C-alpha atoms as a PDB file:
ATOM      1  CA  UNK A   1      -7.229  17.724 -12.484  1.00  0.00           C
ATOM      2  CA  UNK A   2      -7.329  14.490 -14.520  1.00  0.00           C
ATOM      3  CA  UNK A   3      -5.078  11.607 -13.539  1.00  0.00           C
ATOM      4  CA  UNK A   4      -3.031  12.130 -16.698  1.00  0.00           C
ATOM      5  CA  UNK A   5      -1.952  15.547 -15.388  1.00  0.00           C
ATOM      6  CA  UNK A   6      -0.203  13.994 -12.410  1.00  0.00           C
ATOM      7  CA  UNK A   7       3.436  12.857 -12.418  1.00  0.00           C
ATOM      8  CA  UNK A   8       2.598   9.292 -11.461  1.00  0.00           C
ATOM      9  CA  UNK A   9       3.901   6.037 -12.855  1.00  0.00           C
ATOM     10  CA  UNK A  10       1.649   3.031 -12.571  1.00  0.00           C
ATOM     11  CA  UNK A  11       4.776   0.854 -12.378  1.00  0.00           C
ATOM     12  CA  UNK A  12       5.742   2.112  -8.942  1.00  0.00           C
ATOM     13  CA  UNK A  13       4.998  -0.385  -6.164  1.00  0.00           C
ATOM     14  CA  UNK A  14       1.853  -0.334  -4.071  1.00  0.00           C
ATOM     15  CA  UNK A  15       2.361  -1.106  -0.405  1.00  0.00           C
ATOM     16  CA  UNK A  16      -1.291  -1.222   0.654  1.00  0.00           C
ATOM     17  CA  UNK A  17      -4.352  -3.061  -0.588  1.00  0.00           C
ATOM     18  CA  UNK A  18      -6.772  -0.155   0.022  1.00  0.00           C
ATOM     19  CA  UNK A  19      -8.326   1.519  -2.980  1.00  0.00           C
ATOM     20  CA  UNK A  20      -7.737   5.161  -3.800  1.00  0.00           C
ATOM     21  CA  UNK A  21     -10.363   7.903  -3.593  1.00  0.00           C
ATOM     22  CA  UNK A  22     -12.130   8.694  -6.892  1.00  0.00           C
ATOM     23  CA  UNK A  23     -10.213  11.967  -7.266  1.00  0.00           C
ATOM     24  CA  UNK A  24      -7.226  13.822  -5.838  1.00  0.00           C
ATOM     25  CA  UNK A  25      -8.462  16.781  -3.823  1.00  0.00           C
ATOM     26  CA  UNK A  26      -7.078  20.176  -4.825  1.00  0.00           C
ATOM     27  CA  UNK A  27      -8.349  22.984  -2.557  1.00  0.00           C
ATOM     28  CA  UNK A  28     -10.418  25.567  -4.401  1.00  0.00           C
ATOM     29  CA  UNK A  29     -10.736  23.366  -7.481  1.00  0.00           C
ATOM     30  CA  UNK A  30     -12.757  20.371  -6.302  1.00  0.00           C
ATOM     31  CA  UNK A  31     -15.411  19.560  -3.711  1.00  0.00           C
ATOM     32  CA  UNK A  32     -13.970  19.226  -0.223  1.00  0.00           C
ATOM     33  CA  UNK A  33     -13.769  15.473   0.491  1.00  0.00           C
ATOM     34  CA  UNK A  34     -15.528  15.610   3.881  1.00  0.00           C
ATOM     35  CA  UNK A  35     -17.580  18.822   3.941  1.00  0.00           C
ATOM     36  CA  UNK A  36     -19.162  18.928   0.463  1.00  0.00           C
ATOM     37  CA  UNK A  37     -21.947  16.484  -0.495  1.00  0.00           C
ATOM     38  CA  UNK A  38     -20.003  15.734  -3.702  1.00  0.00           C
ATOM     39  CA  UNK A  39     -16.794  15.001  -1.783  1.00  0.00           C
ATOM     40  CA  UNK A  40     -15.165  11.602  -2.231  1.00  0.00           C
ATOM     41  CA  UNK A  41     -15.418  10.865   1.511  1.00  0.00           C
ATOM     42  CA  UNK A  42     -18.558  12.813   2.369  1.00  0.00           C
ATOM     43  CA  UNK A  43     -20.545  11.140   5.121  1.00  0.00           C
ATOM     44  CA  UNK A  44     -17.996   8.385   5.654  1.00  0.00           C
ATOM     45  CA  UNK A  45     -16.864   7.845   9.215  1.00  0.00           C
ATOM     46  CA  UNK A  46     -13.351   6.573   8.774  1.00  0.00           C
ATOM     47  CA  UNK A  47     -11.753   5.208  11.933  1.00  0.00           C
ATOM     48  CA  UNK A  48      -8.636   7.078  13.046  1.00  0.00           C
ATOM     49  CA  UNK A  49      -5.324   5.422  12.187  1.00  0.00           C
ATOM     50  CA  UNK A  50      -4.082   2.912  14.731  1.00  0.00           C
ATOM     51  CA  UNK A  51      -0.896   3.467  16.690  1.00  0.00           C
ATOM     52  CA  UNK A  52       1.883   0.947  16.097  1.00  0.00           C
ATOM     53  CA  UNK A  53       5.391   0.280  17.313  1.00  0.00           C
ATOM     54  CA  UNK A  54       8.160   1.720  15.128  1.00  0.00           C
ATOM     55  CA  UNK A  55       9.580  -1.706  14.348  1.00  0.00           C
ATOM     56  CA  UNK A  56       6.139  -2.922  13.218  1.00  0.00           C
ATOM     57  CA  UNK A  57       5.736  -0.298  10.473  1.00  0.00           C
ATOM     58  CA  UNK A  58       5.508  -2.931   7.722  1.00  0.00           C
ATOM     59  CA  UNK A  59       2.317  -4.313   9.282  1.00  0.00           C
ATOM     60  CA  UNK A  60       0.532  -0.963   9.623  1.00  0.00           C
ATOM     61  CA  UNK A  61      -2.054  -0.781   6.865  1.00  0.00           C
ATOM     62  CA  UNK A  62      -2.636   2.897   7.726  1.00  0.00           C
ATOM     63  CA  UNK A  63       1.051   3.771   7.282  1.00  0.00           C
ATOM     64  CA  UNK A  64       1.394   1.764   4.068  1.00  0.00           C
ATOM     65  CA  UNK A  65      -1.785   3.367   2.700  1.00  0.00           C
ATOM     66  CA  UNK A  66      -0.501   6.869   3.523  1.00  0.00           C
ATOM     67  CA  UNK A  67       2.725   6.108   1.626  1.00  0.00           C
ATOM     68  CA  UNK A  68       0.682   4.869  -1.367  1.00  0.00           C
ATOM     69  CA  UNK A  69      -1.502   7.975  -1.293  1.00  0.00           C
ATOM     70  CA  UNK A  70       1.600  10.168  -1.264  1.00  0.00           C
ATOM     71  CA  UNK A  71       3.402   8.260  -4.030  1.00  0.00           C
ATOM     72  CA  UNK A  72       0.344   8.354  -6.282  1.00  0.00           C
ATOM     73  CA  UNK A  73      -0.067  12.137  -5.827  1.00  0.00           C
ATOM     74  CA  UNK A  74      -2.994  12.091  -3.394  1.00  0.00           C
ATOM     75  CA  UNK A  75      -1.149  14.693  -1.330  1.00  0.00           C
ATOM     76  CA  UNK A  76      -4.082  16.139   0.590  1.00  0.00           C
ATOM     77  CA  UNK A  77      -5.336  12.662   1.406  1.00  0.00           C
ATOM     78  CA  UNK A  78      -1.883  11.409   2.459  1.00  0.00           C
ATOM     79  CA  UNK A  79      -1.466  14.518   4.605  1.00  0.00           C
ATOM     80  CA  UNK A  80      -4.694  13.593   6.428  1.00  0.00           C
ATOM     81  CA  UNK A  81      -3.553  10.029   7.179  1.00  0.00           C
ATOM     82  CA  UNK A  82      -0.032  11.145   8.182  1.00  0.00           C
ATOM     83  CA  UNK A  83      -1.610  13.706  10.511  1.00  0.00           C
ATOM     84  CA  UNK A  84      -3.750  11.010  12.118  1.00  0.00           C
ATOM     85  CA  UNK A  85      -0.635   8.883  12.643  1.00  0.00           C
ATOM     86  CA  UNK A  86       1.205  11.895  14.056  1.00  0.00           C
ATOM     87  CA  UNK A  87      -1.529  12.289  16.683  1.00  0.00           C
ATOM     88  CA  UNK A  88      -1.736   8.617  17.706  1.00  0.00           C
ATOM     89  CA  UNK A  89       2.009   7.870  17.679  1.00  0.00           C
ATOM     90  CA  UNK A  90       3.032  10.881  19.773  1.00  0.00           C
ATOM     91  CA  UNK A  91       4.034  14.306  18.527  1.00  0.00           C
ATOM     92  CA  UNK A  92       7.327  14.601  20.405  1.00  0.00           C
ATOM     93  CA  UNK A  93       8.645  11.154  19.544  1.00  0.00           C
ATOM     94  CA  UNK A  94      10.824  10.049  16.628  1.00  0.00           C
ATOM     95  CA  UNK A  95       7.590   8.879  15.007  1.00  0.00           C
ATOM     96  CA  UNK A  96       6.066  12.297  15.637  1.00  0.00           C
ATOM     97  CA  UNK A  97       8.974  14.093  13.965  1.00  0.00           C
ATOM     98  CA  UNK A  98       8.859  11.635  11.079  1.00  0.00           C
ATOM     99  CA  UNK A  99       5.130  11.993  10.485  1.00  0.00           C
ATOM    100  CA  UNK A 100       5.262  15.762  10.809  1.00  0.00           C
ATOM    101  CA  UNK A 101       8.032  15.806   8.177  1.00  0.00           C
ATOM    102  CA  UNK A 102       5.883  13.673   5.855  1.00  0.00           C
ATOM    103  CA  UNK A 103       2.888  15.963   6.494  1.00  0.00           C
ATOM    104  CA  UNK A 104       4.972  18.979   5.481  1.00  0.00           C
ATOM    105  CA  UNK A 105       6.474  17.270   2.422  1.00  0.00           C
ATOM    106  CA  UNK A 106       3.033  16.151   1.228  1.00  0.00           C
ATOM    107  CA  UNK A 107       1.749  19.700   1.723  1.00  0.00           C
ATOM    108  CA  UNK A 108       4.744  21.033  -0.258  1.00  0.00           C
ATOM    109  CA  UNK A 109       3.761  18.857  -3.217  1.00  0.00           C
ATOM    110  CA  UNK A 110       0.182  20.075  -2.989  1.00  0.00           C
ATOM    111  CA  UNK A 111       1.334  23.714  -2.883  1.00  0.00           C
ATOM    112  CA  UNK A 112       3.562  23.021  -5.904  1.00  0.00           C
ATOM    113  CA  UNK A 113       0.536  21.885  -7.919  1.00  0.00           C
ATOM    114  CA  UNK A 114      -1.368  24.970  -6.758  1.00  0.00           C
ATOM    115  CA  UNK A 115       1.509  27.253  -7.813  1.00  0.00           C
ATOM    116  CA  UNK A 116       2.391  28.556  -4.343  1.00  0.00           C
ATOM    117  CA  UNK A 117       6.185  28.593  -4.631  1.00  0.00           C
ATOM    118  CA  UNK A 118       6.945  30.404  -1.381  1.00  0.00           C
ATOM    119  CA  UNK A 119       4.880  27.903   0.599  1.00  0.00           C
ATOM    120  CA  UNK A 120       6.644  25.027  -1.200  1.00  0.00           C
ATOM    121  CA  UNK A 121      10.073  26.264  -0.095  1.00  0.00           C
ATOM    122  CA  UNK A 122       8.965  26.865   3.499  1.00  0.00           C
ATOM    123  CA  UNK A 123       7.285  23.466   3.824  1.00  0.00           C
ATOM    124  CA  UNK A 124      10.217  21.559   2.324  1.00  0.00           C
ATOM    125  CA  UNK A 125      12.653  23.398   4.583  1.00  0.00           C
ATOM    126  CA  UNK A 126      10.574  22.615   7.692  1.00  0.00           C
ATOM    127  CA  UNK A 127      10.105  19.000   6.592  1.00  0.00           C
ATOM    128  CA  UNK A 128      13.854  18.550   6.101  1.00  0.00           C
ATOM    129  CA  UNK A 129      14.510  20.061   9.531  1.00  0.00           C
ATOM    130  CA  UNK A 130      12.116  17.513  11.065  1.00  0.00           C
ATOM    131  CA  UNK A 131      13.848  14.633   9.262  1.00  0.00           C
ATOM    132  CA  UNK A 132      17.080  15.585  11.055  1.00  0.00           C
ATOM    133  CA  UNK A 133      15.408  14.414  14.288  1.00  0.00           C
ATOM    134  CA  UNK A 134      14.795  10.938  12.876  1.00  0.00           C
ATOM    135  CA  UNK A 135      17.237   8.014  12.514  1.00  0.00           C
ATOM    136  CA  UNK A 136      18.833   7.628   9.041  1.00  0.00           C
ATOM    137  CA  UNK A 137      16.782   4.496   8.396  1.00  0.00           C
ATOM    138  CA  UNK A 138      13.317   4.779   9.863  1.00  0.00           C
ATOM    139  CA  UNK A 139      10.079   2.889   9.277  1.00  0.00           C
ATOM    140  CA  UNK A 140      11.448   1.483   6.039  1.00  0.00           C
ATOM    141  CA  UNK A 141      12.560   4.879   4.687  1.00  0.00           C
ATOM    142  CA  UNK A 142      16.128   5.946   4.027  1.00  0.00           C
ATOM    143  CA  UNK A 143      15.545   9.409   5.507  1.00  0.00           C
ATOM    144  CA  UNK A 144      18.944  10.743   4.395  1.00  0.00           C
ATOM    145  CA  UNK A 145      18.240   9.737   0.797  1.00  0.00           C
ATOM    146  CA  UNK A 146      14.725  11.163   1.008  1.00  0.00           C
ATOM    147  CA  UNK A 147      16.105  14.493   2.241  1.00  0.00           C
ATOM    148  CA  UNK A 148      18.741  14.515  -0.531  1.00  0.00           C
ATOM    149  CA  UNK A 149      16.052  13.875  -3.151  1.00  0.00           C
ATOM    150  CA  UNK A 150      13.948  16.743  -1.820  1.00  0.00           C
ATOM    151  CA  UNK A 151      16.946  19.089  -1.968  1.00  0.00           C
ATOM    152  CA  UNK A 152      17.489  18.103  -5.607  1.00  0.00           C
ATOM    153  CA  UNK A 153      13.771  18.474  -6.316  1.00  0.00           C
ATOM    154  CA  UNK A 154      13.845  22.010  -4.904  1.00  0.00           C
ATOM    155  CA  UNK A 155      16.675  22.944  -7.278  1.00  0.00           C
ATOM    156  CA  UNK A 156      15.086  21.418 -10.385  1.00  0.00           C
ATOM    157  CA  UNK A 157      12.073  22.275 -12.503  1.00  0.00           C
ATOM    158  CA  UNK A 158       9.955  19.880 -10.437  1.00  0.00           C
ATOM    159  CA  UNK A 159       8.053  18.280 -13.293  1.00  0.00           C
ATOM    160  CA  UNK A 160       7.698  15.186 -11.099  1.00  0.00           C
ATOM    161  CA  UNK A 161       7.715  14.497  -7.382  1.00  0.00           C
ATOM    162  CA  UNK A 162       9.929  12.656  -4.929  1.00  0.00           C
ATOM    163  CA  UNK A 163       8.695   9.153  -4.177  1.00  0.00           C
ATOM    164  CA  UNK A 164       8.904   7.551  -0.767  1.00  0.00           C
ATOM    165  CA  UNK A 165      10.455   4.108  -1.160  1.00  0.00           C
ATOM    166  CA  UNK A 166      10.008   1.561   1.585  1.00  0.00           C
ATOM    167  CA  UNK A 167      12.678  -1.028   2.261  1.00  0.00           C
ATOM    168  CA  UNK A 168      10.263  -3.918   2.577  1.00  0.00           C
ATOM    169  CA  UNK A 169      12.688  -6.418   1.049  1.00  0.00           C
ATOM    170  CA  UNK A 170      15.385  -5.531   3.563  1.00  0.00           C
ATOM    171  CA  UNK A 171      12.830  -5.856   6.364  1.00  0.00           C
ATOM    172  CA  UNK A 172      11.977  -9.391   5.242  1.00  0.00           C
ATOM    173  CA  UNK A 173      15.675 -10.221   4.867  1.00  0.00           C
ATOM    174  CA  UNK A 174      16.292  -9.132   8.486  1.00  0.00           C
ATOM    175  CA  UNK A 175      13.395 -11.320   9.624  1.00  0.00           C
ATOM    176  CA  UNK A 176      14.843 -14.288   7.725  1.00  0.00           C
ATOM    177  CA  UNK A 177      18.276 -13.754   9.312  1.00  0.00           C
ATOM    178  CA  UNK A 178      16.611 -13.609  12.742  1.00  0.00           C
ATOM    179  CA  UNK A 179      14.860 -16.907  12.026  1.00  0.00           C
ATOM    180  CA  UNK A 180      11.386 -15.405  11.847  1.00  0.00           C
ATOM    181  CA  UNK A 181       9.193 -17.130   9.305  1.00  0.00           C
ATOM    182  CA  UNK A 182       6.705 -15.212   7.229  1.00  0.00           C
ATOM    183  CA  UNK A 183       5.259 -15.070   3.790  1.00  0.00           C
ATOM    184  CA  UNK A 184       6.748 -12.723   1.281  1.00  0.00           C
ATOM    185  CA  UNK A 185       4.331  -9.994   0.197  1.00  0.00           C
ATOM    186  CA  UNK A 186       3.462  -9.155  -3.389  1.00  0.00           C
ATOM    187  CA  UNK A 187       5.182  -5.779  -2.978  1.00  0.00           C
ATOM    188  CA  UNK A 188       8.357  -7.475  -1.750  1.00  0.00           C
ATOM    189  CA  UNK A 189       8.385  -9.943  -4.651  1.00  0.00           C
ATOM    190  CA  UNK A 190       7.810  -7.115  -7.137  1.00  0.00           C
ATOM    191  CA  UNK A 191      10.570  -5.008  -5.531  1.00  0.00           C
ATOM    192  CA  UNK A 192      13.047  -7.917  -5.570  1.00  0.00           C
ATOM    193  CA  UNK A 193      12.113  -8.831  -9.147  1.00  0.00           C
ATOM    194  CA  UNK A 194      12.421  -5.222 -10.390  1.00  0.00           C
ATOM    195  CA  UNK A 195      10.615  -3.557 -13.293  1.00  0.00           C
ATOM    196  CA  UNK A 196       9.292  -5.799 -16.025  1.00  0.00           C
END
């Protein structure tokens, strides 16, 4: 599926500096990224994501990259990174519930593109149930707002997808109030400045 067929705006913020794969994998329509010689990640030994403390989410390149992959409609790829984080951060923790919810919501988007409506509903429902086990503001995400947006998405024509917005600006504001010095990231400046 060409990039133009995806509901993605290039004006949305990037949180990571990693480049995207050369295509978005759609099962049954493209070479499998790892198993097929034509796959975008064939033969690459990517290190597993690194565990991190919940309060250090804004410094996890793996987490930020997974959010970028999701927001730019690389749902299979984001699912893979979220699953790696789910394994290293603990499955029965708040982080585990959070990552499993994101895994299911990414999979729901992928099933939507593939036209599997029943799977979409089941995955969104399970993802929303998982989000109930996570604090309302978690790893930069307003989980209540995210859940509300998915409920609306389920009741609409779904010609776009729900983005995951990270509260990086508020994270930097909290650090400033606590007297912690740090440089403001490009993403934070862009978020504070707003759309051009």
